[in-house]
Each structure stands twice: as C-alpha cells, then as structure tokens.
PDB file of N, CA and C in Angstrom:
ATOM      1  N   MET A   1       6.538  -0.481  21.155  1.00  0.00           N
ATOM      2  CA  MET A   1       5.284  -0.205  21.611  1.00  0.00           C
ATOM      3  C   MET A   1       5.363   1.879  20.341  1.00  0.00           C
ATOM      4  N   ALA A   2       4.433   1.775  19.747  1.00  0.00           N
ATOM      5  CA  ALA A   2       4.247   2.720  19.070  1.00  0.00           C
ATOM      6  C   ALA A   2       3.654   3.915  19.890  1.00  0.00           C
ATOM      7  N   VAL A   3       4.141   5.136  19.657  1.00  0.00           N
ATOM      8  CA  VAL A   3       4.115   6.252  20.489  1.00  0.00           C
ATOM      9  C   VAL A   3       2.659   7.203  19.913  1.00  0.00           C
ATOM     10  N   GLU A   4       2.403   6.550  18.980  1.00  0.00           N
ATOM     11  CA  GLU A   4       0.868   7.599  18.499  1.00  0.00           C
ATOM     12  C   GLU A   4      -0.075   6.441  18.573  1.00  0.00           C
ATOM     13  N   THR A   5      -1.668   6.915  18.277  1.00  0.00           N
ATOM     14  CA  THR A   5      -2.643   6.767  17.945  1.00  0.00           C
ATOM     15  C   THR A   5      -3.244   6.064  17.017  1.00  0.00           C
ATOM     16  N   ASP A   6      -4.520   5.309  16.448  1.00  0.00           N
ATOM     17  CA  ASP A   6      -5.054   5.575  15.723  1.00  0.00           C
ATOM     18  C   ASP A   6      -5.599   6.184  14.906  1.00  0.00           C
ATOM     19  N   ALA A   7      -6.138   6.892  16.386  1.00  0.00           N
ATOM     20  CA  ALA A   7      -6.444   8.614  15.669  1.00  0.00           C
ATOM     21  C   ALA A   7      -5.155   8.832  15.195  1.00  0.00           C
ATOM     22  N   MET A   8      -4.479   8.970  15.894  1.00  0.00           N
ATOM     23  CA  MET A   8      -3.054   9.946  15.226  1.00  0.00           C
ATOM     24  C   MET A   8      -3.188   9.590  13.594  1.00  0.00           C
ATOM     25  N   ARG A   9      -2.419   7.877  13.597  1.00  0.00           N
ATOM     26  CA  ARG A   9      -2.339   7.863  11.859  1.00  0.00           C
ATOM     27  C   ARG A   9      -3.077   8.095  11.147  1.00  0.00           C
ATOM     28  N   LEU A  10      -4.822   8.337  11.176  1.00  0.00           N
ATOM     29  CA  LEU A  10      -6.157   8.424  10.673  1.00  0.00           C
ATOM     30  C   LEU A  10      -5.971  10.279   9.875  1.00  0.00           C
ATOM     31  N   ASP A  11      -5.676  11.031  11.368  1.00  0.00           N
ATOM     32  CA  ASP A  11      -5.682  12.662  10.752  1.00  0.00           C
ATOM     33  C   ASP A  11      -3.743  12.867   9.676  1.00  0.00           C
ATOM     34  N   LEU A  12      -2.998  11.628  10.269  1.00  0.00           N
ATOM     35  CA  LEU A  12      -1.764  11.591   8.818  1.00  0.00           C
ATOM     36  C   LEU A  12      -2.638  11.082   7.215  1.00  0.00           C
ATOM     37  N   LEU A  13      -3.223  10.185   6.987  1.00  0.00           N
ATOM     38  CA  LEU A  13      -3.688   9.771   6.231  1.00  0.00           C
ATOM     39  C   LEU A  13      -4.643  10.672   5.326  1.00  0.00           C
ATOM     40  N   GLN A  14      -5.414  11.536   6.891  1.00  0.00           N
ATOM     41  CA  GLN A  14      -6.691  12.093   6.124  1.00  0.00           C
ATOM     42  C   GLN A  14      -6.174  13.973   4.976  1.00  0.00           C
ATOM     43  N   ASP A  15      -4.373  13.877   5.773  1.00  0.00           N
ATOM     44  CA  ASP A  15      -3.850  14.753   5.494  1.00  0.00           C
ATOM     45  C   ASP A  15      -3.056  14.936   4.456  1.00  0.00           C
ATOM     46  N   PHE A  16      -2.367  13.754   3.924  1.00  0.00           N
ATOM     47  CA  PHE A  16      -2.065  13.335   2.731  1.00  0.00           C
ATOM     48  C   PHE A  16      -2.348  12.256   2.084  1.00  0.00           C
ATOM     49  N   GLY A  17      -3.363  11.630   2.591  1.00  0.00           N
ATOM     50  CA  GLY A  17      -3.552  10.602   1.360  1.00  0.00           C
ATOM     51  C   GLY A  17      -4.500  10.651   0.807  1.00  0.00           C
ATOM     52  N   THR A  18      -4.807   9.105   0.060  1.00  0.00           N
ATOM     53  CA  THR A  18      -6.183   9.730  -0.840  1.00  0.00           C
ATOM     54  C   THR A  18      -7.567   8.593  -0.509  1.00  0.00           C
ATOM     55  N   SER A  19      -8.404   8.746  -0.617  1.00  0.00           N
ATOM     56  CA  SER A  19      -9.304   7.367  -0.466  1.00  0.00           C
ATOM     57  C   SER A  19      -9.358   6.256  -1.327  1.00  0.00           C
ATOM     58  N   SER A  20      -9.361   5.229  -1.006  1.00  0.00           N
ATOM     59  CA  SER A  20      -9.162   4.480  -1.905  1.00  0.00           C
ATOM     60  C   SER A  20     -10.444   3.407  -1.434  1.00  0.00           C
ATOM     61  N   THR A  21     -10.495   1.897  -2.440  1.00  0.00           N
ATOM     62  CA  THR A  21     -10.941   1.014  -2.715  1.00  0.00           C
ATOM     63  C   THR A  21     -10.525  -0.537  -2.776  1.00  0.00           C
ATOM     64  N   PHE A  22     -10.611  -0.390  -0.910  1.00  0.00           N
ATOM     65  CA  PHE A  22      -9.705  -2.098  -1.166  1.00  0.00           C
ATOM     66  C   PHE A  22     -10.367  -3.473  -1.139  1.00  0.00           C
ATOM     67  N   THR A  23     -10.165  -4.213  -2.433  1.00  0.00           N
ATOM     68  CA  THR A  23     -10.874  -5.154  -2.665  1.00  0.00           C
ATOM     69  C   THR A  23     -10.236  -6.536  -1.849  1.00  0.00           C
ATOM     70  N   ASP A  24     -11.057  -7.324  -0.871  1.00  0.00           N
ATOM     71  CA  ASP A  24     -10.534  -8.492  -0.462  1.00  0.00           C
ATOM     72  C   ASP A  24     -10.409  -9.731  -1.354  1.00  0.00           C
ATOM     73  N   THR A  25      -9.796 -10.052  -2.225  1.00  0.00           N
ATOM     74  CA  THR A  25     -10.534 -11.458  -3.351  1.00  0.00           C
ATOM     75  C   THR A  25     -10.642 -12.631  -2.588  1.00  0.00           C
ATOM     76  N   SER A  26     -10.178 -12.949  -1.874  1.00  0.00           N
ATOM     77  CA  SER A  26     -10.761 -14.756  -1.343  1.00  0.00           C
ATOM     78  C   SER A  26     -12.174 -14.441  -1.124  1.00  0.00           C
ATOM     79  N   ALA A  27     -12.508 -12.744   0.176  1.00  0.00           N
ATOM     80  CA  ALA A  27     -13.552 -13.116   0.904  1.00  0.00           C
ATOM     81  C   ALA A  27     -14.576 -12.250  -0.453  1.00  0.00           C
ATOM     82  N   ALA A  28     -14.014 -11.250  -0.987  1.00  0.00           N
ATOM     83  CA  ALA A  28     -14.877 -10.714  -2.196  1.00  0.00           C
ATOM     84  C   ALA A  28     -15.787  -9.931  -1.730  1.00  0.00           C
ATOM     85  N   THR A  29     -14.831  -8.942  -1.085  1.00  0.00           N
ATOM     86  CA  THR A  29     -15.504  -7.961   0.218  1.00  0.00           C
ATOM     87  C   THR A  29     -14.598  -6.931  -0.914  1.00  0.00           C
ATOM     88  N   SER A  30     -15.414  -4.882  -0.034  1.00  0.00           N
ATOM     89  CA  SER A  30     -14.843  -4.425  -0.375  1.00  0.00           C
ATOM     90  C   SER A  30     -14.915  -3.161   0.738  1.00  0.00           C
ATOM     91  N   SER A  31     -14.231  -2.196   0.348  1.00  0.00           N
ATOM     92  CA  SER A  31     -13.991  -1.209   1.593  1.00  0.00           C
ATOM     93  C   SER A  31     -13.340  -0.097   1.108  1.00  0.00           C
ATOM     94  N   THR A  32     -13.985   1.161   1.800  1.00  0.00           N
ATOM     95  CA  THR A  32     -12.891   2.498   1.449  1.00  0.00           C
ATOM     96  C   THR A  32     -11.782   2.196   2.493  1.00  0.00           C
ATOM     97  N   VAL A  33     -10.287   3.167   2.029  1.00  0.00           N
ATOM     98  CA  VAL A  33      -9.499   2.832   2.492  1.00  0.00           C
ATOM     99  C   VAL A  33      -8.876   4.148   2.717  1.00  0.00           C
ATOM    100  N   THR A  34      -7.942   5.239   3.556  1.00  0.00           N
ATOM    101  CA  THR A  34      -7.049   5.849   3.465  1.00  0.00           C
ATOM    102  C   THR A  34      -5.510   5.644   3.251  1.00  0.00           C
ATOM    103  N   VAL A  35      -5.111   5.997   2.207  1.00  0.00           N
ATOM    104  CA  VAL A  35      -3.520   5.127   1.721  1.00  0.00           C
ATOM    105  C   VAL A  35      -2.663   6.628   0.680  1.00  0.00           C
ATOM    106  N   ILE A  36      -1.633   6.381   1.156  1.00  0.00           N
ATOM    107  CA  ILE A  36      -1.109   7.101   0.833  1.00  0.00           C
ATOM    108  C   ILE A  36      -0.181   6.377  -0.160  1.00  0.00           C
ATOM    109  N   LEU A  37      -0.195   6.902  -1.228  1.00  0.00           N
ATOM    110  CA  LEU A  37       0.375   6.646  -2.722  1.00  0.00           C
ATOM    111  C   LEU A  37       1.695   7.422  -2.397  1.00  0.00           C
ATOM    112  N   THR A  38       2.919   6.181  -3.040  1.00  0.00           N
ATOM    113  CA  THR A  38       3.872   6.853  -3.753  1.00  0.00           C
ATOM    114  C   THR A  38       4.460   5.533  -4.750  1.00  0.00           C
ATOM    115  N   ASN A  39       6.069   6.443  -5.263  1.00  0.00           N
ATOM    116  CA  ASN A  39       5.870   5.808  -6.643  1.00  0.00           C
ATOM    117  C   ASN A  39       7.415   5.859  -6.148  1.00  0.00           C
ATOM    118  N   GLU A  40       7.978   4.404  -5.609  1.00  0.00           N
ATOM    119  CA  GLU A  40       8.973   4.146  -5.560  1.00  0.00           C
ATOM    120  C   GLU A  40      10.141   3.564  -6.291  1.00  0.00           C
ATOM    121  N   TYR A  41      11.357   4.681  -6.281  1.00  0.00           N
ATOM    122  CA  TYR A  41      12.511   4.340  -7.754  1.00  0.00           C
ATOM    123  C   TYR A  41      13.365   2.871  -6.830  1.00  0.00           C
ATOM    124  N   LEU A  42      13.329   2.548  -8.259  1.00  0.00           N
ATOM    125  CA  LEU A  42      13.931   0.573  -8.693  1.00  0.00           C
ATOM    126  C   LEU A  42      15.448   1.535  -9.412  1.00  0.00           C
ATOM    127  N   ALA A  43      15.917   0.447  -9.516  1.00  0.00           N
ATOM    128  CA  ALA A  43      16.915  -0.328 -10.446  1.00  0.00           C
ATOM    129  C   ALA A  43      17.556  -1.046  -9.758  1.00  0.00           C
ATOM    130  N   ALA A  44      17.523  -1.889 -11.057  1.00  0.00           N
ATOM    131  CA  ALA A  44      18.154  -3.229 -11.207  1.00  0.00           C
ATOM    132  C   ALA A  44      19.082  -3.468 -11.855  1.00  0.00           C
ATOM    133  N   ASP A  45      19.905  -4.659 -11.611  1.00  0.00           N
ATOM    134  CA  ASP A  45      21.237  -4.634 -12.067  1.00  0.00           C
ATOM    135  C   ASP A  45      20.981  -6.051 -12.621  1.00  0.00           C
ATOM    136  N   PRO A  46      20.555  -6.492 -14.250  1.00  0.00           N
ATOM    137  CA  PRO A  46      21.057  -7.376 -14.756  1.00  0.00           C
ATOM    138  C   PRO A  46      22.128  -7.805 -14.516  1.00  0.00           C
ATOM    139  N   GLY A  47      23.087  -7.879 -14.355  1.00  0.00           N
ATOM    140  CA  GLY A  47      24.222  -8.329 -14.527  1.00  0.00           C
ATOM    141  C   GLY A  47      25.061  -7.896 -16.199  1.00  0.00           C
ATOM    142  N   GLY A  48      24.748  -7.451 -16.592  1.00  0.00           N
ATOM    143  CA  GLY A  48      25.635  -6.192 -17.407  1.00  0.00           C
ATOM    144  C   GLY A  48      25.816  -4.997 -17.833  1.00  0.00           C
ATOM    145  N   SER A  49      26.430  -4.008 -18.437  1.00  0.00           N
ATOM    146  CA  SER A  49      26.481  -3.074 -17.976  1.00  0.00           C
ATOM    147  C   SER A  49      25.864  -1.982 -18.426  1.00  0.00           C
ATOM    148  N   VAL A  50      24.072  -2.256 -17.807  1.00  0.00           N
ATOM    149  CA  VAL A  50      23.220  -1.628 -18.110  1.00  0.00           C
ATOM    150  C   VAL A  50      22.189  -1.534 -16.776  1.00  0.00           C
ATOM    151  N   VAL A  51      21.795  -0.655 -16.164  1.00  0.00           N
ATOM    152  CA  VAL A  51      20.713  -0.469 -15.482  1.00  0.00           C
ATOM    153  C   VAL A  51      20.071  -0.555 -15.205  1.00  0.00           C
ATOM    154  N   VAL A  52      18.610  -1.330 -15.140  1.00  0.00           N
ATOM    155  CA  VAL A  52      17.455  -0.843 -15.673  1.00  0.00           C
ATOM    156  C   VAL A  52      16.756   0.181 -14.632  1.00  0.00           C
ATOM    157  N   GLN A  53      16.266   0.831 -14.096  1.00  0.00           N
ATOM    158  CA  GLN A  53      15.387   1.845 -13.631  1.00  0.00           C
ATOM    159  C   GLN A  53      13.995   1.944 -13.895  1.00  0.00           C
ATOM    160  N   SER A  54      13.257   2.417 -12.833  1.00  0.00           N
ATOM    161  CA  SER A  54      11.773   2.007 -13.146  1.00  0.00           C
ATOM    162  C   SER A  54      11.409   2.511 -11.682  1.00  0.00           C
ATOM    163  N   SER A  55       9.728   2.072 -11.357  1.00  0.00           N
ATOM    164  CA  SER A  55       9.245   2.491  -9.997  1.00  0.00           C
ATOM    165  C   SER A  55       8.553   1.465  -9.714  1.00  0.00           C
ATOM    166  N   GLU A  56       8.281   2.096  -8.588  1.00  0.00           N
ATOM    167  CA  GLU A  56       7.114   0.589  -8.090  1.00  0.00           C
ATOM    168  C   GLU A  56       5.806   1.174  -6.492  1.00  0.00           C
ATOM    169  N   PRO A  57       4.902   1.177  -7.102  1.00  0.00           N
ATOM    170  CA  PRO A  57       3.926   1.352  -6.487  1.00  0.00           C
ATOM    171  C   PRO A  57       3.198   1.432  -4.895  1.00  0.00           C
ATOM    172  N   ILE A  58       4.023   2.042  -4.250  1.00  0.00           N
ATOM    173  CA  ILE A  58       3.946   1.969  -3.072  1.00  0.00           C
ATOM    174  C   ILE A  58       2.671   2.498  -2.373  1.00  0.00           C
ATOM    175  N   ALA A  59       1.747   1.613  -1.438  1.00  0.00           N
ATOM    176  CA  ALA A  59       0.572   2.285  -0.431  1.00  0.00           C
ATOM    177  C   ALA A  59       0.713   2.329   0.688  1.00  0.00           C
ATOM    178  N   VAL A  60       0.556   3.128   1.606  1.00  0.00           N
ATOM    179  CA  VAL A  60       1.020   3.009   3.210  1.00  0.00           C
ATOM    180  C   VAL A  60      -0.746   3.604   3.952  1.00  0.00           C
ATOM    181  N   GLY A  61      -1.021   2.507   4.855  1.00  0.00           N
ATOM    182  CA  GLY A  61      -2.589   2.935   5.520  1.00  0.00           C
ATOM    183  C   GLY A  61      -2.290   2.125   6.689  1.00  0.00           C
ATOM    184  N   ARG A  62      -3.220   2.173   7.552  1.00  0.00           N
ATOM    185  CA  ARG A  62      -3.165   2.095   9.207  1.00  0.00           C
ATOM    186  C   ARG A  62      -3.919  -0.298   8.629  1.00  0.00           C
ATOM    187  N   SER A  63      -2.659  -0.130   9.517  1.00  0.00           N
ATOM    188  CA  SER A  63      -3.046  -1.879   9.405  1.00  0.00           C
ATOM    189  C   SER A  63      -4.137  -2.125   9.916  1.00  0.00           C
ATOM    190  N   ILE A  64      -5.284  -1.328  11.264  1.00  0.00           N
ATOM    191  CA  ILE A  64      -6.685  -1.637  11.960  1.00  0.00           C
ATOM    192  C   ILE A  64      -7.716  -1.649   9.973  1.00  0.00           C
ATOM    193  N   ASP A  65      -6.844  -0.627   9.924  1.00  0.00           N
ATOM    194  CA  ASP A  65      -7.883  -1.041   8.208  1.00  0.00           C
ATOM    195  C   ASP A  65      -7.948  -1.912   7.306  1.00  0.00           C
ATOM    196  N   LEU A  66      -6.032  -2.087   7.552  1.00  0.00           N
ATOM    197  CA  LEU A  66      -6.522  -3.499   6.208  1.00  0.00           C
ATOM    198  C   LEU A  66      -6.178  -5.110   6.709  1.00  0.00           C
ATOM    199  N   PRO A  67      -6.844  -5.181   8.141  1.00  0.00           N
ATOM    200  CA  PRO A  67      -6.594  -6.519   9.017  1.00  0.00           C
ATOM    201  C   PRO A  67      -5.622  -7.685   8.062  1.00  0.00           C
ATOM    202  N   ALA A  68      -6.782  -7.770   7.048  1.00  0.00           N
ATOM    203  CA  ALA A  68      -6.472  -9.113   5.796  1.00  0.00           C
ATOM    204  C   ALA A  68      -6.171  -9.318   4.761  1.00  0.00           C
ATOM    205  N   ILE A  69      -5.627  -7.928   4.586  1.00  0.00           N
ATOM    206  CA  ILE A  69      -4.895  -8.274   2.986  1.00  0.00           C
ATOM    207  C   ILE A  69      -3.335  -8.740   3.083  1.00  0.00           C
ATOM    208  N   ALA A  70      -3.574  -9.208   1.998  1.00  0.00           N
ATOM    209  CA  ALA A  70      -2.562 -10.474   1.153  1.00  0.00           C
ATOM    210  C   ALA A  70      -2.244 -10.371   0.007  1.00  0.00           C
ATOM    211  N   GLN A  71      -1.466 -10.994  -0.739  1.00  0.00           N
ATOM    212  CA  GLN A  71      -0.919 -11.104  -1.845  1.00  0.00           C
ATOM    213  C   GLN A  71      -2.408 -11.530  -2.647  1.00  0.00           C
ATOM    214  N   GLY A  72      -2.644 -10.342  -3.650  1.00  0.00           N
ATOM    215  CA  GLY A  72      -3.704 -10.826  -4.794  1.00  0.00           C
ATOM    216  C   GLY A  72      -4.998 -10.057  -4.886  1.00  0.00           C
ATOM    217  N   ASP A  73      -5.128  -9.335  -3.257  1.00  0.00           N
ATOM    218  CA  ASP A  73      -5.984  -8.757  -3.078  1.00  0.00           C
ATOM    219  C   ASP A  73      -5.199  -6.904  -4.087  1.00  0.00           C
ATOM    220  N   THR A  74      -7.129  -6.105  -4.258  1.00  0.00           N
ATOM    221  CA  THR A  74      -6.722  -5.226  -5.067  1.00  0.00           C
ATOM    222  C   THR A  74      -6.344  -3.764  -4.623  1.00  0.00           C
ATOM    223  N   LEU A  75      -6.072  -2.873  -5.257  1.00  0.00           N
ATOM    224  CA  LEU A  75      -6.504  -1.801  -4.106  1.00  0.00           C
ATOM    225  C   LEU A  75      -6.849  -0.648  -5.598  1.00  0.00           C
ATOM    226  N   ALA A  76      -8.309  -0.137  -5.358  1.00  0.00           N
ATOM    227  CA  ALA A  76      -8.251   1.511  -6.671  1.00  0.00           C
ATOM    228  C   ALA A  76      -8.286   2.525  -6.331  1.00  0.00           C
ATOM    229  N   ILE A  77      -6.995   3.329  -6.541  1.00  0.00           N
ATOM    230  CA  ILE A  77      -6.273   4.800  -6.405  1.00  0.00           C
ATOM    231  C   ILE A  77      -7.014   5.233  -7.460  1.00  0.00           C
ATOM    232  N   SER A  78      -7.942   7.095  -7.479  1.00  0.00           N
ATOM    233  CA  SER A  78      -7.942   7.273  -8.166  1.00  0.00           C
ATOM    234  C   SER A  78      -7.777   6.941  -9.784  1.00  0.00           C
ATOM    235  N   GLY A  79      -8.579   6.006  -9.903  1.00  0.00           N
ATOM    236  CA  GLY A  79      -8.953   5.449 -11.070  1.00  0.00           C
ATOM    237  C   GLY A  79      -8.070   4.444 -12.048  1.00  0.00           C
ATOM    238  N   THR A  80      -7.614   3.866 -11.374  1.00  0.00           N
ATOM    239  CA  THR A  80      -6.103   2.495 -11.285  1.00  0.00           C
ATOM    240  C   THR A  80      -6.243   1.735 -10.546  1.00  0.00           C
ATOM    241  N   THR A  81      -6.002   0.748 -10.519  1.00  0.00           N
ATOM    242  CA  THR A  81      -6.166  -0.641  -9.902  1.00  0.00           C
ATOM    243  C   THR A  81      -5.127  -1.058 -10.054  1.00  0.00           C
ATOM    244  N   TYR A  82      -4.484  -1.409  -8.523  1.00  0.00           N
ATOM    245  CA  TYR A  82      -3.180  -1.862  -8.297  1.00  0.00           C
ATOM    246  C   TYR A  82      -3.313  -3.236  -7.877  1.00  0.00           C
ATOM    247  N   THR A  83      -2.253  -4.265  -7.927  1.00  0.00           N
ATOM    248  CA  THR A  83      -3.120  -6.082  -7.154  1.00  0.00           C
ATOM    249  C   THR A  83      -1.459  -6.365  -6.624  1.00  0.00           C
ATOM    250  N   ILE A  84      -2.013  -5.829  -5.027  1.00  0.00           N
ATOM    251  CA  ILE A  84      -1.101  -5.467  -3.911  1.00  0.00           C
ATOM    252  C   ILE A  84       0.127  -7.583  -4.323  1.00  0.00           C
ATOM    253  N   THR A  85       1.332  -7.037  -4.469  1.00  0.00           N
ATOM    254  CA  THR A  85       2.168  -8.179  -4.553  1.00  0.00           C
ATOM    255  C   THR A  85       3.347  -8.535  -3.297  1.00  0.00           C
ATOM    256  N   GLU A  86       2.818  -7.270  -1.986  1.00  0.00           N
ATOM    257  CA  GLU A  86       4.152  -7.724  -1.095  1.00  0.00           C
ATOM    258  C   GLU A  86       3.000  -6.923  -0.103  1.00  0.00           C
ATOM    259  N   VAL A  87       2.669  -7.930   1.318  1.00  0.00           N
ATOM    260  CA  VAL A  87       2.404  -6.627   2.230  1.00  0.00           C
ATOM    261  C   VAL A  87       3.939  -6.750   3.431  1.00  0.00           C
ATOM    262  N   GLU A  88       3.982  -5.716   3.891  1.00  0.00           N
ATOM    263  CA  GLU A  88       4.765  -5.697   4.723  1.00  0.00           C
ATOM    264  C   GLU A  88       4.276  -4.637   6.647  1.00  0.00           C
ATOM    265  N   PRO A  89       3.902  -5.453   6.791  1.00  0.00           N
ATOM    266  CA  PRO A  89       3.493  -4.837   8.392  1.00  0.00           C
ATOM    267  C   PRO A  89       4.705  -3.865   9.380  1.00  0.00           C
ATOM    268  N   ASP A  90       4.365  -2.643   9.782  1.00  0.00           N
ATOM    269  CA  ASP A  90       5.889  -2.284  10.799  1.00  0.00           C
ATOM    270  C   ASP A  90       5.599  -2.851  12.126  1.00  0.00           C
ATOM    271  N   ASN A  91       4.419  -3.415  12.640  1.00  0.00           N
ATOM    272  CA  ASN A  91       4.285  -3.783  13.614  1.00  0.00           C
ATOM    273  C   ASN A  91       3.780  -2.570  15.030  1.00  0.00           C
ATOM    274  N   GLU A  92       4.052  -0.910  14.902  1.00  0.00           N
ATOM    275  CA  GLU A  92       3.427  -0.440  15.179  1.00  0.00           C
ATOM    276  C   GLU A  92       2.058   0.023  14.638  1.00  0.00           C
ATOM    277  N   GLY A  93       1.177  -0.620  13.545  1.00  0.00           N
ATOM    278  CA  GLY A  93       0.027   0.105  13.720  1.00  0.00           C
ATOM    279  C   GLY A  93       0.215   0.693  11.815  1.00  0.00           C
ATOM    280  N   MET A  94       0.718   0.488  11.133  1.00  0.00           N
ATOM    281  CA  MET A  94       1.085   1.331   9.605  1.00  0.00           C
ATOM    282  C   MET A  94       1.335   0.138   9.166  1.00  0.00           C
ATOM    283  N   ILE A  95       0.988  -0.094   7.394  1.00  0.00           N
ATOM    284  CA  ILE A  95       1.147  -1.143   6.665  1.00  0.00           C
ATOM    285  C   ILE A  95       1.555  -0.831   5.274  1.00  0.00           C
ATOM    286  N   ARG A  96       2.961  -1.076   4.697  1.00  0.00           N
ATOM    287  CA  ARG A  96       2.900  -0.803   3.536  1.00  0.00           C
ATOM    288  C   ARG A  96       3.159  -2.165   2.581  1.00  0.00           C
ATOM    289  N   VAL A  97       2.158  -1.183   1.397  1.00  0.00           N
ATOM    290  CA  VAL A  97       1.948  -2.656   0.856  1.00  0.00           C
ATOM    291  C   VAL A  97       2.348  -2.286  -0.436  1.00  0.00           C
ATOM    292  N   ARG A  98       3.386  -3.023  -1.611  1.00  0.00           N
ATOM    293  CA  ARG A  98       4.006  -2.977  -2.947  1.00  0.00           C
ATOM    294  C   ARG A  98       2.989  -3.468  -4.200  1.00  0.00           C
ATOM    295  N   MET A  99       2.430  -2.775  -4.827  1.00  0.00           N
ATOM    296  CA  MET A  99       2.036  -3.188  -5.709  1.00  0.00           C
ATOM    297  C   MET A  99       2.611  -3.228  -7.436  1.00  0.00           C
ATOM    298  N   ARG A 100       1.670  -3.313  -8.313  1.00  0.00           N
ATOM    299  CA  ARG A 100       2.012  -3.859  -9.545  1.00  0.00           C
ATOM    300  C   ARG A 100       0.037  -3.253 -10.868  1.00  0.00           C
ATOM    301  N   THR A 101       0.113  -2.719 -11.337  1.00  0.00           N
ATOM    302  CA  THR A 101      -0.706  -2.385 -12.223  1.00  0.00           C
ATOM    303  C   THR A 101      -1.402  -3.520 -13.412  1.00  0.00           C
TER     304      THR A 101
END
C-alpha cells in the first residue's frame, strides 16, 4: 500500500519535473503530463574486451496520468520526441518508461 497520495506525487513532479506531451498512438490522442526526465547510465559487454557505454532516457510520471501508456507511444519533452520502449509500473502510483529517440 502506497504511503503518499496522487496529490503528493503531483507536488513532487511539479517541483522537479517538466511538462511533456504524451501521445497514445493506438488511440491517436494527446495529453499534457508532467514527468521527471533522466538519462540512466548503461554499460554493455558485447563479449569482447571493450565495454560499450551509453545512456538511456527514462521518464517517471504518475500512473493516473499515463493509464494506457504502451510500447510505441511517444513523449515529447523539451523539443525532443521519444518513443516508449518499456513500461515499468511500480504498482504504488508511479510509472517509469524507458525510451529512445
């Protein structure tokens, strides 16, 4: 059971997040939501002697604002449109989405 409320989660996002446009590609609808955008560090070992380093954009938002989010949908944040590659709900009211440009 989550300790915080949706209003508390919204306060967090308004303090640290940015406005974005979520597009549900299957329904052809758009809405404005607030998310926190980060670039998570990635290191991939392709089996050789060199490790490939990169970063992956991650957006965190409220599940109530993104109820139908799925792979292939988009989030436009600060002039960049990202395509959703993975959806990770925490089952406590927040959702993490992995993206690519």
